[in-house]
PDB file of N, CA and C in Angstrom:
ATOM      1  N   MET A   1      34.072 -28.649 -21.741  1.00  0.00           N
ATOM      2  CA  MET A   1      34.214 -27.227 -21.510  1.00  0.00           C
ATOM      3  C   MET A   1      33.852 -26.437 -22.757  1.00  0.00           C
ATOM      4  N   ASN A   2      34.284 -26.967 -23.873  1.00  0.00           N
ATOM      5  CA  ASN A   2      33.997 -26.316 -25.139  1.00  0.00           C
ATOM      6  C   ASN A   2      32.496 -26.308 -25.420  1.00  0.00           C
ATOM      7  N   LEU A   3      31.825 -27.402 -25.102  1.00  0.00           N
ATOM      8  CA  LEU A   3      30.380 -27.502 -25.311  1.00  0.00           C
ATOM      9  C   LEU A   3      29.642 -26.512 -24.409  1.00  0.00           C
ATOM     10  N   LEU A   4      30.084 -26.352 -23.178  1.00  0.00           N
ATOM     11  CA  LEU A   4      29.474 -25.418 -22.240  1.00  0.00           C
ATOM     12  C   LEU A   4      29.621 -23.977 -22.742  1.00  0.00           C
ATOM     13  N   LEU A   5      30.765 -23.634 -23.262  1.00  0.00           N
ATOM     14  CA  LEU A   5      30.998 -22.297 -23.796  1.00  0.00           C
ATOM     15  C   LEU A   5      30.114 -22.043 -25.015  1.00  0.00           C
ATOM     16  N   MET A   6      30.002 -23.016 -25.882  1.00  0.00           N
ATOM     17  CA  MET A   6      29.161 -22.845 -27.077  1.00  0.00           C
ATOM     18  C   MET A   6      27.692 -22.711 -26.702  1.00  0.00           C
ATOM     19  N   MET A   7      27.234 -23.487 -25.745  1.00  0.00           N
ATOM     20  CA  MET A   7      25.843 -23.402 -25.313  1.00  0.00           C
ATOM     21  C   MET A   7      25.565 -22.051 -24.647  1.00  0.00           C
ATOM     22  N   SER A   8      26.498 -21.542 -23.886  1.00  0.00           N
ATOM     23  CA  SER A   8      26.324 -20.229 -23.242  1.00  0.00           C
ATOM     24  C   SER A   8      26.223 -19.128 -24.276  1.00  0.00           C
ATOM     25  N   ILE A   9      27.078 -19.171 -25.276  1.00  0.00           N
ATOM     26  CA  ILE A   9      27.046 -18.169 -26.338  1.00  0.00           C
ATOM     27  C   ILE A   9      25.731 -18.270 -27.111  1.00  0.00           C
ATOM     28  N   LEU A  10      25.299 -19.488 -27.392  1.00  0.00           N
ATOM     29  CA  LEU A  10      24.039 -19.688 -28.106  1.00  0.00           C
ATOM     30  C   LEU A  10      22.850 -19.160 -27.301  1.00  0.00           C
ATOM     31  N   ILE A  11      22.832 -19.408 -26.022  1.00  0.00           N
ATOM     32  CA  ILE A  11      21.742 -18.919 -25.166  1.00  0.00           C
ATOM     33  C   ILE A  11      21.730 -17.396 -25.125  1.00  0.00           C
ATOM     34  N   ILE A  12      22.883 -16.786 -24.975  1.00  0.00           N
ATOM     35  CA  ILE A  12      22.961 -15.325 -24.956  1.00  0.00           C
ATOM     36  C   ILE A  12      22.526 -14.756 -26.301  1.00  0.00           C
ATOM     37  N   PHE A  13      22.955 -15.372 -27.382  1.00  0.00           N
ATOM     38  CA  PHE A  13      22.587 -14.901 -28.714  1.00  0.00           C
ATOM     39  C   PHE A  13      21.078 -14.999 -28.940  1.00  0.00           C
ATOM     40  N   ILE A  14      20.465 -16.118 -28.596  1.00  0.00           N
ATOM     41  CA  ILE A  14      19.018 -16.303 -28.792  1.00  0.00           C
ATOM     42  C   ILE A  14      18.224 -15.338 -27.910  1.00  0.00           C
ATOM     43  N   SER A  15      18.647 -15.150 -26.666  1.00  0.00           N
ATOM     44  CA  SER A  15      17.917 -14.230 -25.793  1.00  0.00           C
ATOM     45  C   SER A  15      18.031 -12.791 -26.279  1.00  0.00           C
ATOM     46  N   ASN A  16      19.186 -12.398 -26.812  1.00  0.00           N
ATOM     47  CA  ASN A  16      19.329 -11.037 -27.357  1.00  0.00           C
ATOM     48  C   ASN A  16      18.459 -10.847 -28.601  1.00  0.00           C
ATOM     49  N   ILE A  17      18.384 -11.854 -29.449  1.00  0.00           N
ATOM     50  CA  ILE A  17      17.519 -11.761 -30.628  1.00  0.00           C
ATOM     51  C   ILE A  17      16.063 -11.630 -30.212  1.00  0.00           C
ATOM     52  N   MET A  18      15.650 -12.410 -29.210  1.00  0.00           N
ATOM     53  CA  MET A  18      14.259 -12.341 -28.760  1.00  0.00           C
ATOM     54  C   MET A  18      13.936 -10.987 -28.133  1.00  0.00           C
ATOM     55  N   MET A  19      14.850 -10.435 -27.364  1.00  0.00           N
ATOM     56  CA  MET A  19      14.612  -9.104 -26.783  1.00  0.00           C
ATOM     57  C   MET A  19      14.548  -8.037 -27.872  1.00  0.00           C
ATOM     58  N   PHE A  20      15.407  -8.130 -28.867  1.00  0.00           N
ATOM     59  CA  PHE A  20      15.391  -7.163 -29.959  1.00  0.00           C
ATOM     60  C   PHE A  20      14.083  -7.252 -30.748  1.00  0.00           C
ATOM     61  N   LEU A  21      13.637  -8.473 -31.060  1.00  0.00           N
ATOM     62  CA  LEU A  21      12.376  -8.639 -31.784  1.00  0.00           C
ATOM     63  C   LEU A  21      11.188  -8.128 -30.962  1.00  0.00           C
ATOM     64  N   SER A  22      11.205  -8.391 -29.692  1.00  0.00           N
ATOM     65  CA  SER A  22      10.133  -7.909 -28.824  1.00  0.00           C
ATOM     66  C   SER A  22      10.092  -6.388 -28.809  1.00  0.00           C
ATOM     67  N   MET A  23      11.241  -5.755 -28.763  1.00  0.00           N
ATOM     68  CA  MET A  23      11.299  -4.301 -28.753  1.00  0.00           C
ATOM     69  C   MET A  23      10.825  -3.723 -30.091  1.00  0.00           C
ATOM     70  N   MET A  24      11.151  -4.377 -31.187  1.00  0.00           N
ATOM     71  CA  MET A  24      10.762  -3.871 -32.501  1.00  0.00           C
ATOM     72  C   MET A  24       9.275  -4.103 -32.791  1.00  0.00           C
ATOM     73  N   LEU A  25       8.719  -5.207 -32.320  1.00  0.00           N
ATOM     74  CA  LEU A  25       7.341  -5.551 -32.642  1.00  0.00           C
ATOM     75  C   LEU A  25       6.313  -4.989 -31.652  1.00  0.00           C
ATOM     76  N   SER A  26       6.768  -4.450 -30.538  1.00  0.00           N
ATOM     77  CA  SER A  26       5.808  -3.932 -29.559  1.00  0.00           C
ATOM     78  C   SER A  26       5.143  -2.670 -30.104  1.00  0.00           C
ATOM     79  N   LYS A  27       3.936  -2.426 -29.640  1.00  0.00           N
ATOM     80  CA  LYS A  27       3.155  -1.301 -30.145  1.00  0.00           C
ATOM     81  C   LYS A  27       3.154  -0.133 -29.173  1.00  0.00           C
ATOM     82  N   LYS A  28       4.209   0.016 -28.415  1.00  0.00           N
ATOM     83  CA  LYS A  28       4.280   1.132 -27.480  1.00  0.00           C
ATOM     84  C   LYS A  28       4.583   2.420 -28.235  1.00  0.00           C
ATOM     85  N   SER A  29       4.010   3.469 -27.743  1.00  0.00           N
ATOM     86  CA  SER A  29       4.262   4.767 -28.349  1.00  0.00           C
ATOM     87  C   SER A  29       4.601   5.760 -27.250  1.00  0.00           C
ATOM     88  N   PHE A  30       4.783   6.999 -27.649  1.00  0.00           N
ATOM     89  CA  PHE A  30       5.085   8.050 -26.692  1.00  0.00           C
ATOM     90  C   PHE A  30       3.904   8.296 -25.773  1.00  0.00           C
ATOM     91  N   MET A  31       2.685   8.011 -26.235  1.00  0.00           N
ATOM     92  CA  MET A  31       1.478   8.236 -25.438  1.00  0.00           C
ATOM     93  C   MET A  31       1.372   7.242 -24.280  1.00  0.00           C
ATOM     94  N   ASP A  32       2.014   6.080 -24.382  1.00  0.00           N
ATOM     95  CA  ASP A  32       1.959   5.077 -23.325  1.00  0.00           C
ATOM     96  C   ASP A  32       2.915   5.385 -22.174  1.00  0.00           C
ATOM     97  N   ARG A  33       3.727   6.394 -22.345  1.00  0.00           N
ATOM     98  CA  ARG A  33       4.708   6.732 -21.315  1.00  0.00           C
ATOM     99  C   ARG A  33       4.020   7.105 -20.002  1.00  0.00           C
ATOM    100  N   GLU A  34       2.892   7.789 -20.083  1.00  0.00           N
ATOM    101  CA  GLU A  34       2.177   8.215 -18.876  1.00  0.00           C
ATOM    102  C   GLU A  34       1.569   7.013 -18.143  1.00  0.00           C
ATOM    103  N   LYS A  35       1.137   6.000 -18.888  1.00  0.00           N
ATOM    104  CA  LYS A  35       0.561   4.818 -18.253  1.00  0.00           C
ATOM    105  C   LYS A  35       1.601   4.034 -17.465  1.00  0.00           C
ATOM    106  N   ASN A  36       2.818   4.058 -17.904  1.00  0.00           N
ATOM    107  CA  ASN A  36       3.873   3.287 -17.262  1.00  0.00           C
ATOM    108  C   ASN A  36       4.555   4.023 -16.123  1.00  0.00           C
ATOM    109  N   SER A  37       4.190   5.274 -15.897  1.00  0.00           N
ATOM    110  CA  SER A  37       4.823   6.036 -14.831  1.00  0.00           C
ATOM    111  C   SER A  37       4.165   5.720 -13.496  1.00  0.00           C
ATOM    112  N   PRO A  38       4.883   5.847 -12.394  1.00  0.00           N
ATOM    113  CA  PRO A  38       4.288   5.568 -11.080  1.00  0.00           C
ATOM    114  C   PRO A  38       3.283   6.647 -10.706  1.00  0.00           C
ATOM    115  N   PHE A  39       2.276   6.236  -9.977  1.00  0.00           N
ATOM    116  CA  PHE A  39       1.240   7.167  -9.528  1.00  0.00           C
ATOM    117  C   PHE A  39       1.228   7.145  -8.012  1.00  0.00           C
ATOM    118  N   GLU A  40       1.568   8.277  -7.402  1.00  0.00           N
ATOM    119  CA  GLU A  40       1.653   8.315  -5.955  1.00  0.00           C
ATOM    120  C   GLU A  40       0.865   9.497  -5.425  1.00  0.00           C
ATOM    121  N   CYS A  41      -0.179   9.217  -4.691  1.00  0.00           N
ATOM    122  CA  CYS A  41      -0.974  10.212  -3.959  1.00  0.00           C
ATOM    123  C   CYS A  41      -1.516  11.315  -4.853  1.00  0.00           C
ATOM    124  N   GLY A  42      -1.786  11.037  -6.096  1.00  0.00           N
ATOM    125  CA  GLY A  42      -2.376  12.027  -6.974  1.00  0.00           C
ATOM    126  C   GLY A  42      -1.387  13.011  -7.555  1.00  0.00           C
ATOM    127  N   PHE A  43      -0.104  12.829  -7.324  1.00  0.00           N
ATOM    128  CA  PHE A  43       0.897  13.747  -7.857  1.00  0.00           C
ATOM    129  C   PHE A  43       1.407  13.248  -9.195  1.00  0.00           C
ATOM    130  N   ASP A  44       1.684  14.174 -10.083  1.00  0.00           N
ATOM    131  CA  ASP A  44       2.321  13.833 -11.344  1.00  0.00           C
ATOM    132  C   ASP A  44       3.817  13.700 -11.088  1.00  0.00           C
ATOM    133  N   PRO A  45       4.420  12.533 -11.326  1.00  0.00           N
ATOM    134  CA  PRO A  45       5.831  12.359 -10.988  1.00  0.00           C
ATOM    135  C   PRO A  45       6.782  13.174 -11.857  1.00  0.00           C
ATOM    136  N   LYS A  46       6.291  13.720 -12.962  1.00  0.00           N
ATOM    137  CA  LYS A  46       7.164  14.496 -13.842  1.00  0.00           C
ATOM    138  C   LYS A  46       7.084  15.992 -13.579  1.00  0.00           C
ATOM    139  N   SER A  47       6.278  16.400 -12.606  1.00  0.00           N
ATOM    140  CA  SER A  47       6.170  17.830 -12.289  1.00  0.00           C
ATOM    141  C   SER A  47       6.951  18.120 -11.012  1.00  0.00           C
ATOM    142  N   SER A  48       6.875  19.343 -10.558  1.00  0.00           N
ATOM    143  CA  SER A  48       7.601  19.764  -9.370  1.00  0.00           C
ATOM    144  C   SER A  48       7.059  19.064  -8.131  1.00  0.00           C
ATOM    145  N   ALA A  49       7.947  18.726  -7.228  1.00  0.00           N
ATOM    146  CA  ALA A  49       7.539  18.051  -6.001  1.00  0.00           C
ATOM    147  C   ALA A  49       7.103  19.042  -4.936  1.00  0.00           C
ATOM    148  N   ARG A  50       7.216  20.330  -5.202  1.00  0.00           N
ATOM    149  CA  ARG A  50       6.904  21.372  -4.218  1.00  0.00           C
ATOM    150  C   ARG A  50       5.521  21.968  -4.425  1.00  0.00           C
ATOM    151  N   ILE A  51       4.530  21.125  -4.681  1.00  0.00           N
ATOM    152  CA  ILE A  51       3.175  21.640  -4.838  1.00  0.00           C
ATOM    153  C   ILE A  51       2.420  21.417  -3.536  1.00  0.00           C
ATOM    154  N   PRO A  52       1.363  22.193  -3.268  1.00  0.00           N
ATOM    155  CA  PRO A  52       0.632  22.030  -1.998  1.00  0.00           C
ATOM    156  C   PRO A  52      -0.005  20.652  -1.878  1.00  0.00           C
ATOM    157  N   PHE A  53      -0.019  20.175  -0.673  1.00  0.00           N
ATOM    158  CA  PHE A  53      -0.556  18.845  -0.374  1.00  0.00           C
ATOM    159  C   PHE A  53      -1.826  19.010   0.440  1.00  0.00           C
ATOM    160  N   SER A  54      -2.830  18.211   0.114  1.00  0.00           N
ATOM    161  CA  SER A  54      -4.102  18.287   0.822  1.00  0.00           C
ATOM    162  C   SER A  54      -3.946  17.711   2.225  1.00  0.00           C
ATOM    163  N   LEU A  55      -4.162  18.563   3.222  1.00  0.00           N
ATOM    164  CA  LEU A  55      -4.057  18.124   4.601  1.00  0.00           C
ATOM    165  C   LEU A  55      -5.159  17.139   4.943  1.00  0.00           C
ATOM    166  N   HIS A  56      -6.317  17.317   4.345  1.00  0.00           N
ATOM    167  CA  HIS A  56      -7.432  16.402   4.600  1.00  0.00           C
ATOM    168  C   HIS A  56      -7.102  14.993   4.103  1.00  0.00           C
ATOM    169  N   PHE A  57      -6.472  14.896   2.955  1.00  0.00           N
ATOM    170  CA  PHE A  57      -6.048  13.585   2.439  1.00  0.00           C
ATOM    171  C   PHE A  57      -5.069  12.932   3.411  1.00  0.00           C
ATOM    172  N   PHE A  58      -4.163  13.727   3.954  1.00  0.00           N
ATOM    173  CA  PHE A  58      -3.198  13.207   4.925  1.00  0.00           C
ATOM    174  C   PHE A  58      -3.905  12.697   6.180  1.00  0.00           C
ATOM    175  N   LEU A  59      -4.898  13.439   6.691  1.00  0.00           N
ATOM    176  CA  LEU A  59      -5.608  13.021   7.898  1.00  0.00           C
ATOM    177  C   LEU A  59      -6.397  11.735   7.668  1.00  0.00           C
ATOM    178  N   ILE A  60      -7.017  11.610   6.504  1.00  0.00           N
ATOM    179  CA  ILE A  60      -7.732  10.370   6.185  1.00  0.00           C
ATOM    180  C   ILE A  60      -6.752   9.191   6.139  1.00  0.00           C
ATOM    181  N   THR A  61      -5.573   9.419   5.599  1.00  0.00           N
ATOM    182  CA  THR A  61      -4.558   8.367   5.535  1.00  0.00           C
ATOM    183  C   THR A  61      -4.108   7.960   6.934  1.00  0.00           C
ATOM    184  N   VAL A  62      -3.902   8.925   7.807  1.00  0.00           N
ATOM    185  CA  VAL A  62      -3.480   8.621   9.177  1.00  0.00           C
ATOM    186  C   VAL A  62      -4.585   7.867   9.913  1.00  0.00           C
ATOM    187  N   ILE A  63      -5.841   8.272   9.723  1.00  0.00           N
ATOM    188  CA  ILE A  63      -6.959   7.570  10.353  1.00  0.00           C
ATOM    189  C   ILE A  63      -6.994   6.117   9.880  1.00  0.00           C
ATOM    190  N   PHE A  64      -6.802   5.910   8.576  1.00  0.00           N
ATOM    191  CA  PHE A  64      -6.785   4.543   8.046  1.00  0.00           C
ATOM    192  C   PHE A  64      -5.668   3.723   8.677  1.00  0.00           C
ATOM    193  N   LEU A  65      -4.473   4.301   8.787  1.00  0.00           N
ATOM    194  CA  LEU A  65      -3.353   3.564   9.368  1.00  0.00           C
ATOM    195  C   LEU A  65      -3.597   3.232  10.836  1.00  0.00           C
ATOM    196  N   ILE A  66      -4.185   4.165  11.578  1.00  0.00           N
ATOM    197  CA  ILE A  66      -4.464   3.913  12.991  1.00  0.00           C
ATOM    198  C   ILE A  66      -5.451   2.764  13.137  1.00  0.00           C
ATOM    199  N   PHE A  67      -6.545   2.798  12.353  1.00  0.00           N
ATOM    200  CA  PHE A  67      -7.520   1.722  12.464  1.00  0.00           C
ATOM    201  C   PHE A  67      -6.976   0.401  11.934  1.00  0.00           C
ATOM    202  N   ASP A  68      -6.076   0.468  10.991  1.00  0.00           N
ATOM    203  CA  ASP A  68      -5.457  -0.756  10.486  1.00  0.00           C
ATOM    204  C   ASP A  68      -4.601  -1.415  11.567  1.00  0.00           C
ATOM    205  N   VAL A  69      -3.838  -0.611  12.290  1.00  0.00           N
ATOM    206  CA  VAL A  69      -3.016  -1.138  13.377  1.00  0.00           C
ATOM    207  C   VAL A  69      -3.903  -1.670  14.501  1.00  0.00           C
ATOM    208  N   GLU A  70      -4.993  -0.982  14.763  1.00  0.00           N
ATOM    209  CA  GLU A  70      -5.888  -1.438  15.837  1.00  0.00           C
ATOM    210  C   GLU A  70      -6.548  -2.772  15.475  1.00  0.00           C
ATOM    211  N   ILE A  71      -6.877  -2.962  14.217  1.00  0.00           N
ATOM    212  CA  ILE A  71      -7.416  -4.260  13.793  1.00  0.00           C
ATOM    213  C   ILE A  71      -6.360  -5.344  13.983  1.00  0.00           C
ATOM    214  N   ALA A  72      -5.108  -5.011  13.695  1.00  0.00           N
ATOM    215  CA  ALA A  72      -4.039  -5.993  13.900  1.00  0.00           C
ATOM    216  C   ALA A  72      -3.863  -6.304  15.381  1.00  0.00           C
ATOM    217  N   LEU A  73      -4.242  -5.400  16.270  1.00  0.00           N
ATOM    218  CA  LEU A  73      -4.165  -5.671  17.703  1.00  0.00           C
ATOM    219  C   LEU A  73      -5.374  -6.449  18.209  1.00  0.00           C
ATOM    220  N   ILE A  74      -6.492  -6.367  17.504  1.00  0.00           N
ATOM    221  CA  ILE A  74      -7.693  -7.075  17.933  1.00  0.00           C
ATOM    222  C   ILE A  74      -7.581  -8.580  17.670  1.00  0.00           C
ATOM    223  N   PHE A  75      -6.938  -8.995  16.605  1.00  0.00           N
ATOM    224  CA  PHE A  75      -6.849 -10.418  16.283  1.00  0.00           C
ATOM    225  C   PHE A  75      -6.186 -11.245  17.390  1.00  0.00           C
ATOM    226  N   PRO A  76      -5.032 -10.843  17.941  1.00  0.00           N
ATOM    227  CA  PRO A  76      -4.484 -11.630  19.065  1.00  0.00           C
ATOM    228  C   PRO A  76      -5.378 -11.570  20.304  1.00  0.00           C
ATOM    229  N   LEU A  77      -6.137 -10.493  20.448  1.00  0.00           N
ATOM    230  CA  LEU A  77      -7.054 -10.383  21.578  1.00  0.00           C
ATOM    231  C   LEU A  77      -8.128 -11.459  21.519  1.00  0.00           C
ATOM    232  N   ILE A  78      -8.599 -11.761  20.333  1.00  0.00           N
ATOM    233  CA  ILE A  78      -9.597 -12.815  20.160  1.00  0.00           C
ATOM    234  C   ILE A  78      -9.019 -14.168  20.545  1.00  0.00           C
ATOM    235  N   TYR A  79      -7.787 -14.435  20.152  1.00  0.00           N
ATOM    236  CA  TYR A  79      -7.163 -15.707  20.484  1.00  0.00           C
ATOM    237  C   TYR A  79      -6.931 -15.841  21.987  1.00  0.00           C
ATOM    238  N   SER A  80      -6.610 -14.728  22.653  1.00  0.00           N
ATOM    239  CA  SER A  80      -6.298 -14.795  24.082  1.00  0.00           C
ATOM    240  C   SER A  80      -7.534 -15.032  24.939  1.00  0.00           C
ATOM    241  N   PHE A  81      -8.739 -14.962  24.372  1.00  0.00           N
ATOM    242  CA  PHE A  81      -9.946 -15.307  25.127  1.00  0.00           C
ATOM    243  C   PHE A  81      -9.886 -16.750  25.621  1.00  0.00           C
ATOM    244  N   TYR A  82      -9.222 -17.619  24.875  1.00  0.00           N
ATOM    245  CA  TYR A  82      -9.122 -19.022  25.261  1.00  0.00           C
ATOM    246  C   TYR A  82      -8.061 -19.253  26.334  1.00  0.00           C
ATOM    247  N   LEU A  83      -7.118 -18.349  26.456  1.00  0.00           N
ATOM    248  CA  LEU A  83      -5.991 -18.563  27.349  1.00  0.00           C
ATOM    249  C   LEU A  83      -6.168 -17.934  28.731  1.00  0.00           C
ATOM    250  N   VAL A  84      -6.935 -16.843  28.818  1.00  0.00           N
ATOM    251  CA  VAL A  84      -7.052 -16.075  30.054  1.00  0.00           C
ATOM    252  C   VAL A  84      -8.499 -16.142  30.529  1.00  0.00           C
ATOM    253  N   ASN A  85      -8.711 -15.739  31.749  1.00  0.00           N
ATOM    254  CA  ASN A  85     -10.040 -15.694  32.336  1.00  0.00           C
ATOM    255  C   ASN A  85     -10.976 -14.869  31.447  1.00  0.00           C
ATOM    256  N   PHE A  86     -12.174 -15.355  31.218  1.00  0.00           N
ATOM    257  CA  PHE A  86     -13.122 -14.713  30.305  1.00  0.00           C
ATOM    258  C   PHE A  86     -13.514 -13.313  30.786  1.00  0.00           C
ATOM    259  N   LEU A  87     -13.743 -13.161  32.087  1.00  0.00           N
ATOM    260  CA  LEU A  87     -14.148 -11.864  32.621  1.00  0.00           C
ATOM    261  C   LEU A  87     -13.027 -10.828  32.473  1.00  0.00           C
ATOM    262  N   THR A  88     -11.809 -11.238  32.706  1.00  0.00           N
ATOM    263  CA  THR A  88     -10.670 -10.336  32.537  1.00  0.00           C
ATOM    264  C   THR A  88     -10.538  -9.902  31.080  1.00  0.00           C
ATOM    265  N   MET A  89     -10.686 -10.831  30.171  1.00  0.00           N
ATOM    266  CA  MET A  89     -10.568 -10.490  28.750  1.00  0.00           C
ATOM    267  C   MET A  89     -11.715  -9.593  28.305  1.00  0.00           C
ATOM    268  N   MET A  90     -12.889  -9.769  28.866  1.00  0.00           N
ATOM    269  CA  MET A  90     -14.007  -8.888  28.522  1.00  0.00           C
ATOM    270  C   MET A  90     -13.724  -7.462  28.970  1.00  0.00           C
ATOM    271  N   LYS A  91     -13.123  -7.301  30.142  1.00  0.00           N
ATOM    272  CA  LYS A  91     -12.775  -5.962  30.634  1.00  0.00           C
ATOM    273  C   LYS A  91     -11.722  -5.320  29.727  1.00  0.00           C
ATOM    274  N   ILE A  92     -10.715  -6.094  29.378  1.00  0.00           N
ATOM    275  CA  ILE A  92      -9.641  -5.567  28.524  1.00  0.00           C
ATOM    276  C   ILE A  92     -10.193  -5.189  27.145  1.00  0.00           C
ATOM    277  N   SER A  93     -10.982  -6.060  26.548  1.00  0.00           N
ATOM    278  CA  SER A  93     -11.508  -5.770  25.209  1.00  0.00           C
ATOM    279  C   SER A  93     -12.509  -4.616  25.253  1.00  0.00           C
ATOM    280  N   PHE A  94     -13.283  -4.506  26.323  1.00  0.00           N
ATOM    281  CA  PHE A  94     -14.216  -3.384  26.458  1.00  0.00           C
ATOM    282  C   PHE A  94     -13.444  -2.072  26.561  1.00  0.00           C
ATOM    283  N   PHE A  95     -12.370  -2.056  27.356  1.00  0.00           N
ATOM    284  CA  PHE A  95     -11.532  -0.862  27.484  1.00  0.00           C
ATOM    285  C   PHE A  95     -10.904  -0.496  26.136  1.00  0.00           C
ATOM    286  N   PHE A  96     -10.431  -1.493  25.419  1.00  0.00           N
ATOM    287  CA  PHE A  96      -9.818  -1.256  24.105  1.00  0.00           C
ATOM    288  C   PHE A  96     -10.835  -0.679  23.117  1.00  0.00           C
ATOM    289  N   LEU A  97     -12.042  -1.238  23.105  1.00  0.00           N
ATOM    290  CA  LEU A  97     -13.074  -0.733  22.193  1.00  0.00           C
ATOM    291  C   LEU A  97     -13.558   0.655  22.589  1.00  0.00           C
ATOM    292  N   ILE A  98     -13.572   0.962  23.883  1.00  0.00           N
ATOM    293  CA  ILE A  98     -13.928   2.313  24.324  1.00  0.00           C
ATOM    294  C   ILE A  98     -12.902   3.324  23.808  1.00  0.00           C
ATOM    295  N   ILE A  99     -11.633   2.969  23.852  1.00  0.00           N
ATOM    296  CA  ILE A  99     -10.596   3.856  23.304  1.00  0.00           C
ATOM    297  C   ILE A  99     -10.802   4.056  21.807  1.00  0.00           C
ATOM    298  N   LEU A 100     -11.096   2.983  21.085  1.00  0.00           N
ATOM    299  CA  LEU A 100     -11.352   3.079  19.640  1.00  0.00           C
ATOM    300  C   LEU A 100     -12.543   3.982  19.342  1.00  0.00           C
ATOM    301  N   LEU A 101     -13.636   3.768  20.049  1.00  0.00           N
ATOM    302  CA  LEU A 101     -14.845   4.544  19.794  1.00  0.00           C
ATOM    303  C   LEU A 101     -14.682   6.003  20.211  1.00  0.00           C
ATOM    304  N   THR A 102     -13.912   6.257  21.270  1.00  0.00           N
ATOM    305  CA  THR A 102     -13.639   7.638  21.673  1.00  0.00           C
ATOM    306  C   THR A 102     -12.836   8.355  20.583  1.00  0.00           C
ATOM    307  N   GLY A 103     -11.847   7.675  20.014  1.00  0.00           N
ATOM    308  CA  GLY A 103     -11.076   8.273  18.916  1.00  0.00           C
ATOM    309  C   GLY A 103     -11.932   8.530  17.693  1.00  0.00           C
ATOM    310  N   LEU A 104     -12.821   7.596  17.389  1.00  0.00           N
ATOM    311  CA  LEU A 104     -13.720   7.780  16.252  1.00  0.00           C
ATOM    312  C   LEU A 104     -14.674   8.944  16.489  1.00  0.00           C
ATOM    313  N   TYR A 105     -15.194   9.059  17.713  1.00  0.00           N
ATOM    314  CA  TYR A 105     -16.090  10.165  18.047  1.00  0.00           C
ATOM    315  C   TYR A 105     -15.360  11.501  17.937  1.00  0.00           C
ATOM    316  N   HIS A 106     -14.108  11.554  18.401  1.00  0.00           N
ATOM    317  CA  HIS A 106     -13.322  12.790  18.305  1.00  0.00           C
ATOM    318  C   HIS A 106     -13.089  13.177  16.840  1.00  0.00           C
ATOM    319  N   GLU A 107     -12.767  12.197  16.001  1.00  0.00           N
ATOM    320  CA  GLU A 107     -12.565  12.484  14.581  1.00  0.00           C
ATOM    321  C   GLU A 107     -13.861  12.948  13.936  1.00  0.00           C
ATOM    322  N   TRP A 108     -14.969  12.369  14.334  1.00  0.00           N
ATOM    323  CA  TRP A 108     -16.270  12.774  13.801  1.00  0.00           C
ATOM    324  C   TRP A 108     -16.593  14.200  14.239  1.00  0.00           C
ATOM    325  N   ASN A 109     -16.300  14.539  15.502  1.00  0.00           N
ATOM    326  CA  ASN A 109     -16.549  15.885  16.027  1.00  0.00           C
ATOM    327  C   ASN A 109     -15.701  16.939  15.320  1.00  0.00           C
ATOM    328  N   GLN A 110     -14.488  16.594  14.958  1.00  0.00           N
ATOM    329  CA  GLN A 110     -13.583  17.529  14.289  1.00  0.00           C
ATOM    330  C   GLN A 110     -13.824  17.605  12.783  1.00  0.00           C
ATOM    331  N   ASN A 111     -14.844  16.906  12.283  1.00  0.00           N
ATOM    332  CA  ASN A 111     -15.198  16.855  10.860  1.00  0.00           C
ATOM    333  C   ASN A 111     -14.059  16.332   9.990  1.00  0.00           C
ATOM    334  N   MET A 112     -13.274  15.417  10.534  1.00  0.00           N
ATOM    335  CA  MET A 112     -12.199  14.824   9.741  1.00  0.00           C
ATOM    336  C   MET A 112     -12.724  13.747   8.813  1.00  0.00           C
ATOM    337  N   LEU A 113     -13.915  13.224   9.091  1.00  0.00           N
ATOM    338  CA  LEU A 113     -14.468  12.158   8.255  1.00  0.00           C
ATOM    339  C   LEU A 113     -15.317  12.702   7.118  1.00  0.00           C
ATOM    340  N   ASN A 114     -15.566  13.999   7.089  1.00  0.00           N
ATOM    341  CA  ASN A 114     -16.307  14.615   5.979  1.00  0.00           C
ATOM    342  C   ASN A 114     -15.358  14.916   4.844  1.00  0.00           C
ATOM    343  N   TRP A 115     -15.682  14.464   3.658  1.00  0.00           N
ATOM    344  CA  TRP A 115     -14.773  14.637   2.522  1.00  0.00           C
ATOM    345  C   TRP A 115     -14.937  16.003   1.868  1.00  0.00           C
ATOM    346  N   THR A 116     -16.020  16.726   2.156  1.00  0.00           N
ATOM    347  CA  THR A 116     -16.226  18.057   1.568  1.00  0.00           C
ATOM    348  C   THR A 116     -15.357  19.062   2.302  1.00  0.00           C
ATOM    349  N   ASN A 117     -14.934  20.079   1.575  1.00  0.00           N
ATOM    350  CA  ASN A 117     -14.045  21.087   2.192  1.00  0.00           C
ATOM    351  C   ASN A 117     -14.813  22.195   2.819  1.00  0.00           C
TER     352      ASN A 117
END
């Protein structure tokens, strides 16, 4: 028991010395503070959170999420070609792709895919 206590104290002591030396020898400065801060959607995390948000950026993000989910739905569809009648799966996948392309055409018509304002 005594040996376990001494080893625990020694480990804590060595780890504290190593952390202290690391903190003293590191070359971080006040200028590195900005590099270590989180970056979210182009906002400065140290400024006010009540600044205007680009609606176009939001729409592009929603379009990306929709197509990402649709890709996740297409993968099981490919696997089910082996399990179900081929003609039935062709009808289902054709209907699914028509919905995708109709949504893409609507977004293109509304100029949501143009990055210029």
